[in-house]
């Protein structure tokens, strides 16, 4: 199955800084509207972006880790947990 969205960008920064911005909850909160990423980064594990709304903790985006190769590849699914369509787990990763 091909991804619905595939995005790639070149960034003039050390790979360590870029990696930190992608997986460090303190960093994701800076660019994901205050949401901190939570996961163990193991393929198949759930990944959530959690923030607060009206004083309550809310998972605004969820998904699953597909590929995690430090400093090389980070691939995950994302879905809106408030969507009106049924959430289906992805069974085929590639």
N, C-alpha and C. Protein backbone atom coordinates (compact mmCIF):
# COMPACT_ATOMS: atom_id res chain seq x y z
N UNK A 1 0.84 -1.17 0.00
CA UNK A 1 0.00 0.00 0.00
C UNK A 1 0.89 1.24 0.00
N UNK A 2 0.63 2.15 -0.90
CA UNK A 2 1.39 3.39 -0.95
C UNK A 2 0.78 4.39 0.02
N UNK A 3 1.61 5.24 0.62
CA UNK A 3 1.07 6.24 1.56
C UNK A 3 0.21 7.26 0.82
N UNK A 4 -0.77 7.80 1.54
CA UNK A 4 -1.61 8.85 0.98
C UNK A 4 -0.82 10.14 0.85
N UNK A 5 0.05 10.38 1.83
CA UNK A 5 0.86 11.59 1.83
C UNK A 5 2.31 11.20 2.08
N UNK A 6 3.18 11.65 1.25
CA UNK A 6 4.61 11.43 1.44
C UNK A 6 5.25 12.80 1.34
N UNK A 7 5.99 13.16 2.37
CA UNK A 7 6.59 14.48 2.39
C UNK A 7 8.08 14.36 2.65
N UNK A 8 8.84 15.16 1.97
CA UNK A 8 10.29 15.18 2.15
C UNK A 8 10.76 16.62 2.07
N UNK A 9 11.72 16.95 2.92
CA UNK A 9 12.27 18.30 2.92
C UNK A 9 13.74 18.22 3.30
N UNK A 10 14.56 19.05 2.69
CA UNK A 10 15.97 19.14 3.04
C UNK A 10 16.15 20.29 4.02
N UNK A 11 16.85 20.02 5.11
CA UNK A 11 17.07 21.03 6.15
C UNK A 11 18.57 21.15 6.39
N UNK A 12 19.07 22.37 6.37
CA UNK A 12 20.50 22.61 6.58
C UNK A 12 20.79 22.66 8.08
N UNK A 13 20.84 21.49 8.70
CA UNK A 13 21.13 21.38 10.13
C UNK A 13 21.70 20.00 10.40
N UNK A 14 22.44 19.85 11.49
CA UNK A 14 22.97 18.52 11.83
C UNK A 14 21.83 17.53 12.07
N UNK A 15 22.03 16.29 11.65
CA UNK A 15 20.98 15.29 11.79
C UNK A 15 20.58 15.08 13.25
N UNK A 16 21.48 15.30 14.18
CA UNK A 16 21.16 15.14 15.60
C UNK A 16 20.12 16.17 16.05
N UNK A 17 20.24 17.40 15.57
CA UNK A 17 19.27 18.44 15.93
C UNK A 17 17.90 18.16 15.30
N UNK A 18 17.92 17.71 14.08
CA UNK A 18 16.67 17.39 13.40
C UNK A 18 15.98 16.22 14.10
N UNK A 19 16.74 15.19 14.41
CA UNK A 19 16.18 14.02 15.08
C UNK A 19 15.57 14.42 16.43
N UNK A 20 16.28 15.25 17.16
CA UNK A 20 15.79 15.71 18.46
C UNK A 20 14.46 16.46 18.29
N UNK A 21 14.36 17.28 17.26
CA UNK A 21 13.12 18.02 17.02
C UNK A 21 11.95 17.10 16.70
N UNK A 22 12.23 15.95 16.12
CA UNK A 22 11.17 15.01 15.75
C UNK A 22 10.70 14.12 16.90
N UNK A 23 11.61 13.74 17.80
CA UNK A 23 11.24 12.74 18.81
C UNK A 23 11.21 13.26 20.24
N UNK A 24 11.71 14.45 20.49
CA UNK A 24 11.78 15.00 21.84
C UNK A 24 10.47 15.73 22.16
N UNK A 25 9.71 15.26 23.16
CA UNK A 25 8.44 15.90 23.49
C UNK A 25 8.56 17.40 23.78
N UNK A 26 9.65 17.82 24.39
CA UNK A 26 9.84 19.24 24.66
C UNK A 26 9.94 20.05 23.37
N UNK A 27 10.53 19.44 22.36
CA UNK A 27 10.67 20.12 21.06
C UNK A 27 9.36 20.07 20.27
N UNK A 28 8.66 18.93 20.27
CA UNK A 28 7.42 18.85 19.49
C UNK A 28 6.39 19.84 20.01
N UNK A 29 6.42 20.09 21.30
CA UNK A 29 5.48 21.07 21.88
C UNK A 29 5.70 22.47 21.32
N UNK A 30 6.91 22.73 20.83
CA UNK A 30 7.22 24.05 20.30
C UNK A 30 6.63 24.28 18.91
N UNK A 31 6.41 23.22 18.14
CA UNK A 31 5.89 23.41 16.79
C UNK A 31 4.57 22.67 16.52
N UNK A 32 4.12 21.86 17.45
CA UNK A 32 2.86 21.11 17.27
C UNK A 32 1.76 21.68 18.18
N UNK A 33 1.66 23.00 18.22
CA UNK A 33 0.58 23.67 18.95
C UNK A 33 0.53 23.25 20.41
N UNK A 34 1.71 23.08 21.02
CA UNK A 34 1.78 22.71 22.43
C UNK A 34 1.68 21.23 22.71
N UNK A 35 1.56 20.41 21.68
CA UNK A 35 1.42 18.96 21.87
C UNK A 35 2.77 18.29 22.01
N UNK A 36 2.84 17.42 23.01
CA UNK A 36 4.05 16.63 23.26
C UNK A 36 3.86 15.24 22.68
N UNK A 37 4.84 14.75 21.95
CA UNK A 37 4.76 13.41 21.39
C UNK A 37 5.03 12.39 22.49
N UNK A 38 4.23 11.33 22.53
CA UNK A 38 4.41 10.28 23.52
C UNK A 38 4.39 8.92 22.83
N UNK A 39 5.46 8.15 23.00
CA UNK A 39 5.59 6.82 22.43
C UNK A 39 6.89 6.21 22.94
N UNK A 40 7.07 4.92 22.70
CA UNK A 40 8.37 4.30 23.00
C UNK A 40 9.20 4.12 21.73
N UNK A 41 8.66 4.55 20.59
CA UNK A 41 9.29 4.53 19.27
C UNK A 41 9.60 3.13 18.76
N UNK A 42 8.94 2.12 19.29
CA UNK A 42 9.10 0.76 18.76
C UNK A 42 8.08 0.56 17.64
N UNK A 43 8.50 -0.02 16.51
CA UNK A 43 7.56 -0.26 15.42
C UNK A 43 6.31 -1.01 15.91
N UNK A 44 5.15 -0.50 15.52
CA UNK A 44 3.89 -1.07 15.95
C UNK A 44 3.30 -0.38 17.16
N UNK A 45 4.12 0.36 17.89
CA UNK A 45 3.64 1.06 19.09
C UNK A 45 2.80 2.27 18.71
N UNK A 46 1.92 2.61 19.61
CA UNK A 46 1.09 3.80 19.43
C UNK A 46 1.94 5.05 19.62
N UNK A 47 1.62 6.09 18.86
CA UNK A 47 2.25 7.39 19.01
C UNK A 47 1.14 8.42 19.11
N UNK A 48 1.22 9.27 20.13
CA UNK A 48 0.19 10.28 20.37
C UNK A 48 0.83 11.65 20.50
N UNK A 49 0.10 12.67 20.08
CA UNK A 49 0.48 14.06 20.32
C UNK A 49 -0.55 14.59 21.31
N UNK A 50 -0.11 14.84 22.52
CA UNK A 50 -0.98 15.17 23.64
C UNK A 50 -0.77 16.63 24.05
N UNK A 51 -1.88 17.32 24.22
CA UNK A 51 -1.84 18.71 24.67
C UNK A 51 -2.94 18.93 25.69
N UNK A 52 -3.20 20.19 26.00
CA UNK A 52 -4.27 20.50 26.93
C UNK A 52 -5.29 21.41 26.26
N UNK A 53 -6.52 21.23 26.67
CA UNK A 53 -7.62 22.06 26.19
C UNK A 53 -8.57 22.27 27.35
N UNK A 54 -8.77 23.53 27.69
CA UNK A 54 -9.62 23.89 28.82
C UNK A 54 -9.21 23.15 30.09
N UNK A 55 -7.90 23.06 30.28
CA UNK A 55 -7.34 22.46 31.49
C UNK A 55 -7.31 20.95 31.52
N UNK A 56 -7.75 20.29 30.45
CA UNK A 56 -7.76 18.82 30.40
C UNK A 56 -6.77 18.31 29.37
N UNK A 57 -6.14 17.18 29.67
CA UNK A 57 -5.22 16.55 28.73
C UNK A 57 -6.02 15.89 27.61
N UNK A 58 -5.60 16.18 26.36
CA UNK A 58 -6.32 15.67 25.19
C UNK A 58 -5.31 15.11 24.19
N UNK A 59 -5.63 13.96 23.59
CA UNK A 59 -4.84 13.42 22.49
C UNK A 59 -5.43 14.00 21.21
N UNK A 60 -4.69 14.90 20.57
CA UNK A 60 -5.18 15.57 19.37
C UNK A 60 -4.88 14.79 18.10
N UNK A 61 -3.79 14.04 18.10
CA UNK A 61 -3.40 13.23 16.94
C UNK A 61 -2.88 11.91 17.47
N UNK A 62 -3.20 10.82 16.79
CA UNK A 62 -2.71 9.51 17.18
C UNK A 62 -2.25 8.75 15.95
N UNK A 63 -1.56 7.68 16.15
CA UNK A 63 -1.08 6.85 15.05
C UNK A 63 -0.25 5.71 15.58
N UNK A 64 0.53 5.11 14.69
CA UNK A 64 1.41 4.01 15.07
C UNK A 64 2.78 4.20 14.43
N UNK A 65 3.80 3.79 15.15
CA UNK A 65 5.17 3.84 14.64
C UNK A 65 5.31 2.75 13.58
N UNK A 66 5.82 3.11 12.42
CA UNK A 66 6.05 2.15 11.35
C UNK A 66 7.52 1.77 11.32
N UNK A 67 8.39 2.77 11.18
CA UNK A 67 9.83 2.53 11.10
C UNK A 67 10.55 3.53 11.99
N UNK A 68 11.50 3.03 12.75
CA UNK A 68 12.31 3.90 13.61
C UNK A 68 13.76 3.45 13.50
N UNK A 69 14.53 4.19 12.74
CA UNK A 69 15.96 3.95 12.59
C UNK A 69 16.65 5.25 12.98
N UNK A 70 17.19 5.34 14.21
CA UNK A 70 17.75 6.60 14.70
C UNK A 70 18.66 7.31 13.70
N UNK A 71 18.39 8.59 13.54
CA UNK A 71 19.14 9.50 12.67
C UNK A 71 19.03 9.16 11.19
N UNK A 72 18.09 8.26 10.83
CA UNK A 72 17.98 7.88 9.43
C UNK A 72 16.53 7.89 8.94
N UNK A 73 15.65 7.13 9.58
CA UNK A 73 14.27 6.98 9.11
C UNK A 73 13.30 7.05 10.28
N UNK A 74 12.29 7.88 10.13
CA UNK A 74 11.18 7.93 11.09
C UNK A 74 9.90 7.93 10.27
N UNK A 75 9.11 6.89 10.43
CA UNK A 75 7.88 6.75 9.67
C UNK A 75 6.77 6.36 10.64
N UNK A 76 5.64 7.07 10.55
CA UNK A 76 4.51 6.77 11.41
C UNK A 76 3.22 7.13 10.71
N UNK A 77 2.14 6.52 11.15
CA UNK A 77 0.83 6.87 10.64
C UNK A 77 0.24 7.95 11.53
N UNK A 78 -0.70 8.70 11.01
CA UNK A 78 -1.40 9.69 11.83
C UNK A 78 -2.89 9.66 11.48
N UNK A 79 -3.71 9.93 12.48
CA UNK A 79 -5.14 9.98 12.28
C UNK A 79 -5.74 10.90 13.33
N UNK A 80 -6.82 11.51 12.99
CA UNK A 80 -7.55 12.37 13.91
C UNK A 80 -8.43 11.49 14.80
N UNK A 81 -8.16 11.44 16.10
CA UNK A 81 -8.97 10.57 16.96
C UNK A 81 -10.42 11.05 17.11
N UNK A 82 -10.72 12.25 16.66
CA UNK A 82 -12.08 12.77 16.73
C UNK A 82 -12.83 12.59 15.41
N UNK A 83 -12.22 11.88 14.47
CA UNK A 83 -12.82 11.69 13.15
C UNK A 83 -14.14 10.95 13.25
N UNK A 84 -15.02 11.22 12.30
CA UNK A 84 -16.33 10.57 12.29
C UNK A 84 -16.29 9.23 11.55
N UNK A 85 -15.19 8.94 10.86
CA UNK A 85 -15.05 7.65 10.18
C UNK A 85 -14.42 6.65 11.15
N UNK A 86 -14.64 5.35 10.92
CA UNK A 86 -14.10 4.34 11.85
C UNK A 86 -12.57 4.30 11.80
N UNK A 87 -11.95 4.19 12.96
CA UNK A 87 -10.50 4.05 13.04
C UNK A 87 -10.16 2.59 12.80
N UNK A 88 -9.34 2.34 11.80
CA UNK A 88 -8.93 0.98 11.50
C UNK A 88 -7.44 0.85 11.70
N UNK A 89 -7.00 -0.14 12.46
CA UNK A 89 -5.55 -0.31 12.61
C UNK A 89 -4.92 -0.72 11.28
N UNK A 90 -3.75 -0.24 11.04
CA UNK A 90 -3.04 -0.59 9.82
C UNK A 90 -2.38 -1.93 10.04
N UNK A 91 -2.64 -2.89 9.17
CA UNK A 91 -2.09 -4.22 9.35
C UNK A 91 -0.88 -4.49 8.48
N UNK A 92 -0.72 -3.74 7.40
CA UNK A 92 0.42 -3.90 6.52
C UNK A 92 1.23 -2.63 6.57
N UNK A 93 2.47 -2.76 6.98
CA UNK A 93 3.31 -1.57 7.17
C UNK A 93 4.02 -1.13 5.91
N UNK A 94 4.17 -1.96 4.93
CA UNK A 94 4.90 -1.57 3.71
C UNK A 94 4.12 -1.94 2.48
